[in-house]
Amino acid sequence: MDKQIDYRKMMRDSIKKLFILEDETNICELLRQSLEVDYDLVFEKDGRKALSRIQVEKPDLVPLVFEYA
């Protein structure tokens, strides 16, 4: 018996989840347009909410930007 291959599921399983913490709407939209084809994106604007959402979403990567004043 031939096993049917679900290529959509295979592609979906291979897409990595990125968690983006960003409060600027324009930057979020630019990131979405640039990355949504290759990544599953999760956006959050609030740092405190992000901490709990990261635990729930379990992203593969959380890019960080540090700003020094």
C-alpha atoms as a PDB file:
ATOM      1  CA  MET A   1       0.000   0.000   0.000  1.00  0.00           C
ATOM      2  CA  ASP A   2       1.419   3.382  -1.014  1.00  0.00           C
ATOM      3  CA  LYS A   3       1.573   5.961   1.706  1.00  0.00           C
ATOM      4  CA  GLN A   4       0.241   9.321   0.571  1.00  0.00           C
ATOM      5  CA  ILE A   5       2.648  12.170   1.263  1.00  0.00           C
ATOM      6  CA  ASP A   6       1.183  15.409   2.581  1.00  0.00           C
ATOM      7  CA  TYR A   7       3.567  17.942   1.053  1.00  0.00           C
ATOM      8  CA  ARG A   8       1.742  20.901   2.564  1.00  0.00           C
ATOM      9  CA  LYS A   9       2.232  19.467   6.033  1.00  0.00           C
ATOM     10  CA  MET A  10       5.891  18.770   5.302  1.00  0.00           C
ATOM     11  CA  MET A  11       6.431  22.345   4.178  1.00  0.00           C
ATOM     12  CA  ARG A  12       4.507  23.719   7.143  1.00  0.00           C
ATOM     13  CA  ASP A  13       6.493  21.599   9.587  1.00  0.00           C
ATOM     14  CA  SER A  14       9.757  22.864   8.129  1.00  0.00           C
ATOM     15  CA  ILE A  15       8.831  26.544   8.474  1.00  0.00           C
ATOM     16  CA  LYS A  16      10.418  28.063  11.549  1.00  0.00           C
ATOM     17  CA  LYS A  17       8.512  30.303  13.934  1.00  0.00           C
ATOM     18  CA  LEU A  18       9.917  33.759  14.651  1.00  0.00           C
ATOM     19  CA  PHE A  19       8.660  35.863  17.532  1.00  0.00           C
ATOM     20  CA  ILE A  20       8.982  39.581  16.789  1.00  0.00           C
ATOM     21  CA  LEU A  21       8.711  42.118  19.605  1.00  0.00           C
ATOM     22  CA  GLU A  22       8.190  45.460  17.903  1.00  0.00           C
ATOM     23  CA  ASP A  23       5.945  48.426  18.673  1.00  0.00           C
ATOM     24  CA  GLU A  24       6.338  50.256  15.362  1.00  0.00           C
ATOM     25  CA  THR A  25       3.546  49.255  12.974  1.00  0.00           C
ATOM     26  CA  ASN A  26       5.556  50.190   9.867  1.00  0.00           C
ATOM     27  CA  ILE A  27       8.466  47.985  10.900  1.00  0.00           C
ATOM     28  CA  CYS A  28       6.095  45.102  11.670  1.00  0.00           C
ATOM     29  CA  GLU A  29       4.549  45.388   8.220  1.00  0.00           C
ATOM     30  CA  LEU A  30       7.951  45.523   6.531  1.00  0.00           C
ATOM     31  CA  LEU A  31       9.069  42.419   8.446  1.00  0.00           C
ATOM     32  CA  ARG A  32       5.822  40.636   7.620  1.00  0.00           C
ATOM     33  CA  GLN A  33       6.158  41.355   3.897  1.00  0.00           C
ATOM     34  CA  SER A  34       9.808  40.294   3.890  1.00  0.00           C
ATOM     35  CA  LEU A  35       9.587  37.146   6.014  1.00  0.00           C
ATOM     36  CA  GLU A  36       6.076  35.659   5.905  1.00  0.00           C
ATOM     37  CA  VAL A  37       6.790  33.390   2.944  1.00  0.00           C
ATOM     38  CA  ASP A  38       9.627  31.618   4.737  1.00  0.00           C
ATOM     39  CA  TYR A  39       8.641  31.914   8.398  1.00  0.00           C
ATOM     40  CA  ASP A  40       5.681  31.605  10.704  1.00  0.00           C
ATOM     41  CA  LEU A  41       5.620  35.050  12.337  1.00  0.00           C
ATOM     42  CA  VAL A  42       4.258  36.030  15.730  1.00  0.00           C
ATOM     43  CA  PHE A  43       4.168  39.735  16.596  1.00  0.00           C
ATOM     44  CA  GLU A  44       3.794  41.423  19.972  1.00  0.00           C
ATOM     45  CA  LYS A  45       4.053  45.112  20.813  1.00  0.00           C
ATOM     46  CA  ASP A  46       4.168  44.900  24.606  1.00  0.00           C
ATOM     47  CA  GLY A  47       7.293  43.568  26.325  1.00  0.00           C
ATOM     48  CA  ARG A  48       5.463  42.194  29.364  1.00  0.00           C
ATOM     49  CA  LYS A  49       2.913  40.354  27.214  1.00  0.00           C
ATOM     50  CA  ALA A  50       5.733  39.054  25.043  1.00  0.00           C
ATOM     51  CA  LEU A  51       7.261  37.125  27.946  1.00  0.00           C
ATOM     52  CA  SER A  52       4.116  35.083  28.496  1.00  0.00           C
ATOM     53  CA  ARG A  53       3.375  34.688  24.782  1.00  0.00           C
ATOM     54  CA  ILE A  54       6.866  33.338  24.138  1.00  0.00           C
ATOM     55  CA  GLN A  55       6.151  30.558  26.615  1.00  0.00           C
ATOM     56  CA  VAL A  56       2.896  29.730  24.815  1.00  0.00           C
ATOM     57  CA  GLU A  57       4.075  30.161  21.206  1.00  0.00           C
ATOM     58  CA  LYS A  58       7.441  28.413  21.699  1.00  0.00           C
ATOM     59  CA  PRO A  59       9.188  30.160  18.801  1.00  0.00           C
ATOM     60  CA  ASP A  60      12.371  28.855  17.216  1.00  0.00           C
ATOM     61  CA  LEU A  61      13.961  32.294  17.311  1.00  0.00           C
ATOM     62  CA  VAL A  62      13.404  35.579  19.138  1.00  0.00           C
ATOM     63  CA  PRO A  63      15.632  38.212  17.489  1.00  0.00           C
ATOM     64  CA  LEU A  64      16.819  40.846  19.945  1.00  0.00           C
ATOM     65  CA  VAL A  65      17.893  44.434  19.381  1.00  0.00           C
ATOM     66  CA  PHE A  66      19.627  46.290  22.173  1.00  0.00           C
ATOM     67  CA  GLU A  67      19.612  50.063  22.242  1.00  0.00           C
ATOM     68  CA  TYR A  68      22.110  51.914  24.367  1.00  0.00           C
ATOM     69  CA  ALA A  69      21.338  55.456  25.403  1.00  0.00           C
END
